[in-house]
Amino acid sequence: MKRPKGDGKAKSAHKRIRHVRSRDHVTEMLKLCLQKVCELQANLERSDEVHDPEAAGYAACAMETIRFLSSQGLPPDHPIVKGLTEKLLQDRE
């Protein structure tokens, strides 16, 4: 028994719709994956900035210098303390 031609077109159209939906689903999944990769990369870059041992050591030394000057009686608004603070911390922020 032969099938009517119209029935084949309906199946073909149904397959195309399924294919388009599948492609849309894949596109959405790829978008989500790309978004997650970008988020992870941004977190990694922030993590590198926060846990940079050289920067942490430099900041610790700068703070110790300022603490020492304070313990010697120089107030935070003293020109030497202000100048050193600006010089030591200006390029690190």
PDB file of N, CA and C in Angstrom:
ATOM      1  N   MET A   1       0.823  -1.165   0.000  1.00  0.00           N
ATOM      2  CA  MET A   1       0.000   0.000   0.000  1.00  0.00           C
ATOM      3  C   MET A   1       0.879   1.244   0.000  1.00  0.00           C
ATOM      4  N   LYS A   2       0.585   2.169  -0.882  1.00  0.00           N
ATOM      5  CA  LYS A   2       1.371   3.387  -0.999  1.00  0.00           C
ATOM      6  C   LYS A   2       0.852   4.444  -0.032  1.00  0.00           C
ATOM      7  N   ARG A   3       1.786   5.216   0.490  1.00  0.00           N
ATOM      8  CA  ARG A   3       1.412   6.323   1.363  1.00  0.00           C
ATOM      9  C   ARG A   3       1.142   7.561   0.520  1.00  0.00           C
ATOM     10  N   PRO A   4       0.236   8.352   0.951  1.00  0.00           N
ATOM     11  CA  PRO A   4      -0.006   9.597   0.223  1.00  0.00           C
ATOM     12  C   PRO A   4       1.194  10.530   0.358  1.00  0.00           C
ATOM     13  N   LYS A   5       1.431  11.330  -0.701  1.00  0.00           N
ATOM     14  CA  LYS A   5       2.585  12.222  -0.717  1.00  0.00           C
ATOM     15  C   LYS A   5       2.508  13.278   0.382  1.00  0.00           C
ATOM     16  N   GLY A   6       1.359  13.741   0.709  1.00  0.00           N
ATOM     17  CA  GLY A   6       1.190  14.763   1.741  1.00  0.00           C
ATOM     18  C   GLY A   6       1.717  14.305   3.087  1.00  0.00           C
ATOM     19  N   ASP A   7       1.588  13.017   3.385  1.00  0.00           N
ATOM     20  CA  ASP A   7       2.045  12.474   4.656  1.00  0.00           C
ATOM     21  C   ASP A   7       3.563  12.589   4.781  1.00  0.00           C
ATOM     22  N   GLY A   8       4.282  12.386   3.690  1.00  0.00           N
ATOM     23  CA  GLY A   8       5.746  12.491   3.696  1.00  0.00           C
ATOM     24  C   GLY A   8       6.209  13.909   3.958  1.00  0.00           C
ATOM     25  N   LYS A   9       5.485  14.875   3.430  1.00  0.00           N
ATOM     26  CA  LYS A   9       5.845  16.276   3.653  1.00  0.00           C
ATOM     27  C   LYS A   9       5.657  16.656   5.114  1.00  0.00           C
ATOM     28  N   ALA A  10       4.608  16.133   5.709  1.00  0.00           N
ATOM     29  CA  ALA A  10       4.351  16.429   7.118  1.00  0.00           C
ATOM     30  C   ALA A  10       5.466  15.868   7.990  1.00  0.00           C
ATOM     31  N   LYS A  11       5.906  14.635   7.681  1.00  0.00           N
ATOM     32  CA  LYS A  11       6.999  14.036   8.447  1.00  0.00           C
ATOM     33  C   LYS A  11       8.292  14.810   8.235  1.00  0.00           C
ATOM     34  N   SER A  12       8.514  15.232   7.001  1.00  0.00           N
ATOM     35  CA  SER A  12       9.711  16.000   6.693  1.00  0.00           C
ATOM     36  C   SER A  12       9.713  17.330   7.454  1.00  0.00           C
ATOM     37  N   ALA A  13       8.570  17.983   7.475  1.00  0.00           N
ATOM     38  CA  ALA A  13       8.449  19.250   8.207  1.00  0.00           C
ATOM     39  C   ALA A  13       8.655  19.013   9.699  1.00  0.00           C
ATOM     40  N   HIS A  14       8.112  17.912  10.211  1.00  0.00           N
ATOM     41  CA  HIS A  14       8.268  17.580  11.622  1.00  0.00           C
ATOM     42  C   HIS A  14       9.748  17.349  11.957  1.00  0.00           C
ATOM     43  N   LYS A  15      10.470  16.656  11.062  1.00  0.00           N
ATOM     44  CA  LYS A  15      11.899  16.410  11.273  1.00  0.00           C
ATOM     45  C   LYS A  15      12.676  17.721  11.273  1.00  0.00           C
ATOM     46  N   ARG A  16      12.307  18.637  10.349  1.00  0.00           N
ATOM     47  CA  ARG A  16      12.992  19.933  10.297  1.00  0.00           C
ATOM     48  C   ARG A  16      12.770  20.711  11.588  1.00  0.00           C
ATOM     49  N   ILE A  17      11.542  20.690  12.077  1.00  0.00           N
ATOM     50  CA  ILE A  17      11.237  21.400  13.322  1.00  0.00           C
ATOM     51  C   ILE A  17      12.043  20.812  14.471  1.00  0.00           C
ATOM     52  N   ARG A  18      12.098  19.475  14.538  1.00  0.00           N
ATOM     53  CA  ARG A  18      12.886  18.817  15.578  1.00  0.00           C
ATOM     54  C   ARG A  18      14.361  19.176  15.451  1.00  0.00           C
ATOM     55  N   HIS A  19      14.847  19.217  14.200  1.00  0.00           N
ATOM     56  CA  HIS A  19      16.246  19.551  13.953  1.00  0.00           C
ATOM     57  C   HIS A  19      16.538  20.986  14.397  1.00  0.00           C
ATOM     58  N   VAL A  20      15.630  21.902  14.081  1.00  0.00           N
ATOM     59  CA  VAL A  20      15.800  23.304  14.482  1.00  0.00           C
ATOM     60  C   VAL A  20      15.775  23.419  16.000  1.00  0.00           C
ATOM     61  N   ARG A  21      14.844  22.729  16.629  1.00  0.00           N
ATOM     62  CA  ARG A  21      14.781  22.760  18.094  1.00  0.00           C
ATOM     63  C   ARG A  21      16.052  22.189  18.701  1.00  0.00           C
ATOM     64  N   SER A  22      16.539  21.114  18.118  1.00  0.00           N
ATOM     65  CA  SER A  22      17.769  20.501  18.604  1.00  0.00           C
ATOM     66  C   SER A  22      18.941  21.463  18.441  1.00  0.00           C
ATOM     67  N   ARG A  23      18.993  22.136  17.295  1.00  0.00           N
ATOM     68  CA  ARG A  23      20.057  23.096  17.036  1.00  0.00           C
ATOM     69  C   ARG A  23      19.956  24.270  18.011  1.00  0.00           C
ATOM     70  N   ASP A  24      18.732  24.741  18.269  1.00  0.00           N
ATOM     71  CA  ASP A  24      18.529  25.819  19.237  1.00  0.00           C
ATOM     72  C   ASP A  24      18.987  25.390  20.628  1.00  0.00           C
ATOM     73  N   HIS A  25      18.681  24.152  20.979  1.00  0.00           N
ATOM     74  CA  HIS A  25      19.091  23.622  22.282  1.00  0.00           C
ATOM     75  C   HIS A  25      20.613  23.582  22.381  1.00  0.00           C
ATOM     76  N   VAL A  26      21.259  23.130  21.327  1.00  0.00           N
ATOM     77  CA  VAL A  26      22.726  23.077  21.311  1.00  0.00           C
ATOM     78  C   VAL A  26      23.296  24.486  21.416  1.00  0.00           C
ATOM     79  N   THR A  27      22.712  25.427  20.682  1.00  0.00           N
ATOM     80  CA  THR A  27      23.176  26.814  20.737  1.00  0.00           C
ATOM     81  C   THR A  27      23.043  27.375  22.149  1.00  0.00           C
ATOM     82  N   GLU A  28      21.925  27.114  22.788  1.00  0.00           N
ATOM     83  CA  GLU A  28      21.721  27.590  24.155  1.00  0.00           C
ATOM     84  C   GLU A  28      22.725  26.951  25.114  1.00  0.00           C
ATOM     85  N   MET A  29      22.976  25.668  24.932  1.00  0.00           N
ATOM     86  CA  MET A  29      23.955  24.986  25.782  1.00  0.00           C
ATOM     87  C   MET A  29      25.346  25.568  25.577  1.00  0.00           C
ATOM     88  N   LEU A  30      25.700  25.844  24.322  1.00  0.00           N
ATOM     89  CA  LEU A  30      27.002  26.450  24.047  1.00  0.00           C
ATOM     90  C   LEU A  30      27.111  27.837  24.674  1.00  0.00           C
ATOM     91  N   LYS A  31      26.031  28.600  24.620  1.00  0.00           N
ATOM     92  CA  LYS A  31      26.030  29.923  25.250  1.00  0.00           C
ATOM     93  C   LYS A  31      26.248  29.804  26.757  1.00  0.00           C
ATOM     94  N   LEU A  32      25.551  28.858  27.380  1.00  0.00           N
ATOM     95  CA  LEU A  32      25.706  28.654  28.819  1.00  0.00           C
ATOM     96  C   LEU A  32      27.127  28.228  29.173  1.00  0.00           C
ATOM     97  N   CYS A  33      27.686  27.340  28.355  1.00  0.00           N
ATOM     98  CA  CYS A  33      29.061  26.885  28.596  1.00  0.00           C
ATOM     99  C   CYS A  33      30.049  28.037  28.460  1.00  0.00           C
ATOM    100  N   LEU A  34      29.880  28.849  27.428  1.00  0.00           N
ATOM    101  CA  LEU A  34      30.765  29.992  27.221  1.00  0.00           C
ATOM    102  C   LEU A  34      30.651  30.976  28.377  1.00  0.00           C
ATOM    103  N   GLN A  35      29.432  31.206  28.835  1.00  0.00           N
ATOM    104  CA  GLN A  35      29.223  32.106  29.965  1.00  0.00           C
ATOM    105  C   GLN A  35      29.936  31.574  31.207  1.00  0.00           C
ATOM    106  N   LYS A  36      29.832  30.275  31.450  1.00  0.00           N
ATOM    107  CA  LYS A  36      30.478  29.674  32.620  1.00  0.00           C
ATOM    108  C   LYS A  36      31.997  29.762  32.509  1.00  0.00           C
ATOM    109  N   VAL A  37      32.528  29.512  31.312  1.00  0.00           N
ATOM    110  CA  VAL A  37      33.975  29.615  31.105  1.00  0.00           C
ATOM    111  C   VAL A  37      34.440  31.042  31.378  1.00  0.00           C
ATOM    112  N   CYS A  38      33.691  32.023  30.897  1.00  0.00           N
ATOM    113  CA  CYS A  38      34.045  33.429  31.130  1.00  0.00           C
ATOM    114  C   CYS A  38      34.016  33.765  32.622  1.00  0.00           C
ATOM    115  N   GLU A  39      33.008  33.257  33.334  1.00  0.00           N
ATOM    116  CA  GLU A  39      32.927  33.482  34.778  1.00  0.00           C
ATOM    117  C   GLU A  39      34.118  32.859  35.497  1.00  0.00           C
ATOM    118  N   LEU A  40      34.450  31.631  35.133  1.00  0.00           N
ATOM    119  CA  LEU A  40      35.580  30.954  35.769  1.00  0.00           C
ATOM    120  C   LEU A  40      36.889  31.673  35.483  1.00  0.00           C
ATOM    121  N   GLN A  41      37.056  32.139  34.255  1.00  0.00           N
ATOM    122  CA  GLN A  41      38.266  32.868  33.896  1.00  0.00           C
ATOM    123  C   GLN A  41      38.361  34.173  34.689  1.00  0.00           C
ATOM    124  N   ALA A  42      37.255  34.878  34.832  1.00  0.00           N
ATOM    125  CA  ALA A  42      37.255  36.122  35.607  1.00  0.00           C
ATOM    126  C   ALA A  42      37.590  35.840  37.071  1.00  0.00           C
ATOM    127  N   ASN A  43      37.026  34.767  37.624  1.00  0.00           N
ATOM    128  CA  ASN A  43      37.338  34.386  39.004  1.00  0.00           C
ATOM    129  C   ASN A  43      38.805  34.045  39.157  1.00  0.00           C
ATOM    130  N   LEU A  44      39.358  33.354  38.186  1.00  0.00           N
ATOM    131  CA  LEU A  44      40.764  32.981  38.228  1.00  0.00           C
ATOM    132  C   LEU A  44      41.647  34.216  38.193  1.00  0.00           C
ATOM    133  N   GLU A  45      41.306  35.179  37.337  1.00  0.00           N
ATOM    134  CA  GLU A  45      42.091  36.407  37.256  1.00  0.00           C
ATOM    135  C   GLU A  45      42.010  37.185  38.564  1.00  0.00           C
ATOM    136  N   ARG A  46      40.812  37.264  39.157  1.00  0.00           N
ATOM    137  CA  ARG A  46      40.679  37.943  40.448  1.00  0.00           C
ATOM    138  C   ARG A  46      41.457  37.202  41.522  1.00  0.00           C
ATOM    139  N   SER A  47      41.416  35.892  41.477  1.00  0.00           N
ATOM    140  CA  SER A  47      42.126  35.073  42.450  1.00  0.00           C
ATOM    141  C   SER A  47      43.626  35.298  42.345  1.00  0.00           C
ATOM    142  N   ASP A  48      44.141  35.417  41.113  1.00  0.00           N
ATOM    143  CA  ASP A  48      45.562  35.680  40.917  1.00  0.00           C
ATOM    144  C   ASP A  48      45.955  37.021  41.512  1.00  0.00           C
ATOM    145  N   GLU A  49      45.098  38.027  41.355  1.00  0.00           N
ATOM    146  CA  GLU A  49      45.391  39.345  41.897  1.00  0.00           C
ATOM    147  C   GLU A  49      45.393  39.315  43.419  1.00  0.00           C
ATOM    148  N   VAL A  50      44.452  38.606  44.001  1.00  0.00           N
ATOM    149  CA  VAL A  50      44.314  38.568  45.449  1.00  0.00           C
ATOM    150  C   VAL A  50      45.438  37.765  46.092  1.00  0.00           C
ATOM    151  N   HIS A  51      45.878  36.696  45.465  1.00  0.00           N
ATOM    152  CA  HIS A  51      46.852  35.795  46.067  1.00  0.00           C
ATOM    153  C   HIS A  51      48.243  35.927  45.451  1.00  0.00           C
ATOM    154  N   ASP A  52      48.566  37.102  44.934  1.00  0.00           N
ATOM    155  CA  ASP A  52      49.887  37.321  44.362  1.00  0.00           C
ATOM    156  C   ASP A  52      50.877  37.479  45.514  1.00  0.00           C
ATOM    157  N   PRO A  53      51.783  36.520  45.699  1.00  0.00           N
ATOM    158  CA  PRO A  53      52.694  36.571  46.844  1.00  0.00           C
ATOM    159  C   PRO A  53      53.605  37.798  46.827  1.00  0.00           C
ATOM    160  N   GLU A  54      54.035  38.215  45.655  1.00  0.00           N
ATOM    161  CA  GLU A  54      54.908  39.389  45.569  1.00  0.00           C
ATOM    162  C   GLU A  54      54.175  40.644  46.040  1.00  0.00           C
ATOM    163  N   ALA A  55      52.951  40.813  45.577  1.00  0.00           N
ATOM    164  CA  ALA A  55      52.159  41.978  45.982  1.00  0.00           C
ATOM    165  C   ALA A  55      51.861  41.937  47.479  1.00  0.00           C
ATOM    166  N   ALA A  56      51.566  40.751  47.992  1.00  0.00           N
ATOM    167  CA  ALA A  56      51.280  40.618  49.417  1.00  0.00           C
ATOM    168  C   ALA A  56      52.513  40.962  50.250  1.00  0.00           C
ATOM    169  N   GLY A  57      53.681  40.503  49.822  1.00  0.00           N
ATOM    170  CA  GLY A  57      54.922  40.818  50.531  1.00  0.00           C
ATOM    171  C   GLY A  57      55.238  42.300  50.493  1.00  0.00           C
ATOM    172  N   TYR A  58      55.044  42.907  49.344  1.00  0.00           N
ATOM    173  CA  TYR A  58      55.290  44.340  49.194  1.00  0.00           C
ATOM    174  C   TYR A  58      54.353  45.133  50.101  1.00  0.00           C
ATOM    175  N   ALA A  59      53.080  44.771  50.104  1.00  0.00           N
ATOM    176  CA  ALA A  59      52.103  45.470  50.942  1.00  0.00           C
ATOM    177  C   ALA A  59      52.439  45.303  52.421  1.00  0.00           C
ATOM    178  N   ALA A  60      52.879  44.108  52.810  1.00  0.00           N
ATOM    179  CA  ALA A  60      53.244  43.868  54.208  1.00  0.00           C
ATOM    180  C   ALA A  60      54.429  44.739  54.612  1.00  0.00           C
ATOM    181  N   CYS A  61      55.411  44.860  53.730  1.00  0.00           N
ATOM    182  CA  CYS A  61      56.577  45.708  54.021  1.00  0.00           C
ATOM    183  C   CYS A  61      56.179  47.178  54.116  1.00  0.00           C
ATOM    184  N   ALA A  62      55.327  47.615  53.208  1.00  0.00           N
ATOM    185  CA  ALA A  62      54.874  49.007  53.229  1.00  0.00           C
ATOM    186  C   ALA A  62      54.130  49.302  54.530  1.00  0.00           C
ATOM    187  N   MET A  63      53.251  48.403  54.932  1.00  0.00           N
ATOM    188  CA  MET A  63      52.494  48.610  56.166  1.00  0.00           C
ATOM    189  C   MET A  63      53.408  48.576  57.389  1.00  0.00           C
ATOM    190  N   GLU A  64      54.399  47.714  57.379  1.00  0.00           N
ATOM    191  CA  GLU A  64      55.341  47.645  58.497  1.00  0.00           C
ATOM    192  C   GLU A  64      56.146  48.936  58.603  1.00  0.00           C
ATOM    193  N   THR A  65      56.526  49.507  57.466  1.00  0.00           N
ATOM    194  CA  THR A  65      57.252  50.781  57.456  1.00  0.00           C
ATOM    195  C   THR A  65      56.400  51.881  58.077  1.00  0.00           C
ATOM    196  N   ILE A  66      55.151  51.950  57.675  1.00  0.00           N
ATOM    197  CA  ILE A  66      54.246  52.975  58.202  1.00  0.00           C
ATOM    198  C   ILE A  66      53.987  52.752  59.697  1.00  0.00           C
ATOM    199  N   ARG A  67      53.850  51.491  60.098  1.00  0.00           N
ATOM    200  CA  ARG A  67      53.660  51.168  61.521  1.00  0.00           C
ATOM    201  C   ARG A  67      54.881  51.591  62.340  1.00  0.00           C
ATOM    202  N   PHE A  68      56.069  51.339  61.808  1.00  0.00           N
ATOM    203  CA  PHE A  68      57.301  51.722  62.508  1.00  0.00           C
ATOM    204  C   PHE A  68      57.356  53.235  62.702  1.00  0.00           C
ATOM    205  N   LEU A  69      57.074  53.986  61.634  1.00  0.00           N
ATOM    206  CA  LEU A  69      57.107  55.446  61.751  1.00  0.00           C
ATOM    207  C   LEU A  69      56.085  55.932  62.778  1.00  0.00           C
ATOM    208  N   SER A  70      54.942  55.289  62.818  1.00  0.00           N
ATOM    209  CA  SER A  70      53.914  55.646  63.793  1.00  0.00           C
ATOM    210  C   SER A  70      54.394  55.352  65.212  1.00  0.00           C
ATOM    211  N   SER A  71      55.071  54.219  65.396  1.00  0.00           N
ATOM    212  CA  SER A  71      55.571  53.863  66.727  1.00  0.00           C
ATOM    213  C   SER A  71      56.686  54.804  67.184  1.00  0.00           C
ATOM    214  N   GLN A  72      57.327  55.478  66.249  1.00  0.00           N
ATOM    215  CA  GLN A  72      58.379  56.440  66.575  1.00  0.00           C
ATOM    216  C   GLN A  72      57.811  57.837  66.851  1.00  0.00           C
ATOM    217  N   GLY A  73      56.486  57.942  66.809  1.00  0.00           N
ATOM    218  CA  GLY A  73      55.842  59.196  67.174  1.00  0.00           C
ATOM    219  C   GLY A  73      55.418  60.072  66.008  1.00  0.00           C
ATOM    220  N   LEU A  74      55.591  59.600  64.791  1.00  0.00           N
ATOM    221  CA  LEU A  74      55.162  60.401  63.644  1.00  0.00           C
ATOM    222  C   LEU A  74      53.678  60.150  63.383  1.00  0.00           C
ATOM    223  N   PRO A  75      52.852  61.195  63.367  1.00  0.00           N
ATOM    224  CA  PRO A  75      51.419  61.010  63.112  1.00  0.00           C
ATOM    225  C   PRO A  75      51.156  60.693  61.638  1.00  0.00           C
ATOM    226  N   PRO A  76      49.998  60.122  61.323  1.00  0.00           N
ATOM    227  CA  PRO A  76      49.673  59.761  59.935  1.00  0.00           C
ATOM    228  C   PRO A  76      49.663  60.946  58.975  1.00  0.00           C
ATOM    229  N   ASP A  77      49.430  62.157  59.507  1.00  0.00           N
ATOM    230  CA  ASP A  77      49.398  63.320  58.618  1.00  0.00           C
ATOM    231  C   ASP A  77      50.757  64.014  58.489  1.00  0.00           C
ATOM    232  N   HIS A  78      51.794  63.437  59.091  1.00  0.00           N
ATOM    233  CA  HIS A  78      53.152  63.995  58.970  1.00  0.00           C
ATOM    234  C   HIS A  78      53.600  63.891  57.508  1.00  0.00           C
ATOM    235  N   PRO A  79      54.298  64.910  56.991  1.00  0.00           N
ATOM    236  CA  PRO A  79      54.711  64.895  55.575  1.00  0.00           C
ATOM    237  C   PRO A  79      55.536  63.666  55.175  1.00  0.00           C
ATOM    238  N   ILE A  80      56.389  63.181  56.062  1.00  0.00           N
ATOM    239  CA  ILE A  80      57.206  61.998  55.736  1.00  0.00           C
ATOM    240  C   ILE A  80      56.308  60.765  55.597  1.00  0.00           C
ATOM    241  N   VAL A  81      55.396  60.579  56.546  1.00  0.00           N
ATOM    242  CA  VAL A  81      54.494  59.422  56.503  1.00  0.00           C
ATOM    243  C   VAL A  81      53.594  59.510  55.277  1.00  0.00           C
ATOM    244  N   LYS A  82      53.046  60.696  55.034  1.00  0.00           N
ATOM    245  CA  LYS A  82      52.184  60.877  53.861  1.00  0.00           C
ATOM    246  C   LYS A  82      52.947  60.592  52.570  1.00  0.00           C
ATOM    247  N   GLY A  83      54.156  61.142  52.469  1.00  0.00           N
ATOM    248  CA  GLY A  83      54.961  60.948  51.253  1.00  0.00           C
ATOM    249  C   GLY A  83      55.316  59.490  51.020  1.00  0.00           C
ATOM    250  N   LEU A  84      55.752  58.806  52.091  1.00  0.00           N
ATOM    251  CA  LEU A  84      56.094  57.382  51.956  1.00  0.00           C
ATOM    252  C   LEU A  84      54.868  56.544  51.605  1.00  0.00           C
ATOM    253  N   THR A  85      53.755  56.838  52.247  1.00  0.00           N
ATOM    254  CA  THR A  85      52.526  56.093  51.964  1.00  0.00           C
ATOM    255  C   THR A  85      52.143  56.241  50.501  1.00  0.00           C
ATOM    256  N   GLU A  86      52.153  57.471  50.013  1.00  0.00           N
ATOM    257  CA  GLU A  86      51.812  57.699  48.605  1.00  0.00           C
ATOM    258  C   GLU A  86      52.799  56.997  47.681  1.00  0.00           C
ATOM    259  N   LYS A  87      54.079  57.107  47.986  1.00  0.00           N
ATOM    260  CA  LYS A  87      55.111  56.514  47.128  1.00  0.00           C
ATOM    261  C   LYS A  87      55.038  54.987  47.140  1.00  0.00           C
ATOM    262  N   LEU A  88      54.881  54.405  48.313  1.00  0.00           N
ATOM    263  CA  LEU A  88      54.880  52.943  48.418  1.00  0.00           C
ATOM    264  C   LEU A  88      53.610  52.307  47.856  1.00  0.00           C
ATOM    265  N   LEU A  89      52.498  52.997  47.977  1.00  0.00           N
ATOM    266  CA  LEU A  89      51.229  52.375  47.606  1.00  0.00           C
ATOM    267  C   LEU A  89      50.624  52.892  46.308  1.00  0.00           C
ATOM    268  N   GLN A  90      51.206  53.908  45.700  1.00  0.00           N
ATOM    269  CA  GLN A  90      50.583  54.486  44.503  1.00  0.00           C
ATOM    270  C   GLN A  90      50.556  53.523  43.333  1.00  0.00           C
ATOM    271  N   ASP A  91      51.596  52.770  43.066  1.00  0.00           N
ATOM    272  CA  ASP A  91      51.652  51.876  41.912  1.00  0.00           C
ATOM    273  C   ASP A  91      51.056  50.506  42.205  1.00  0.00           C
ATOM    274  N   ARG A  92      50.761  50.207  43.424  1.00  0.00           N
ATOM    275  CA  ARG A  92      50.287  48.874  43.796  1.00  0.00           C
ATOM    276  C   ARG A  92      48.779  48.766  43.838  1.00  0.00           C
ATOM    277  N   GLU A  93      48.060  49.863  43.778  1.00  0.00           N
ATOM    278  CA  GLU A  93      46.601  49.798  43.874  1.00  0.00           C
ATOM    279  C   GLU A  93      45.971  49.534  42.557  1.00  0.00           C
TER     280      GLU A  93
END
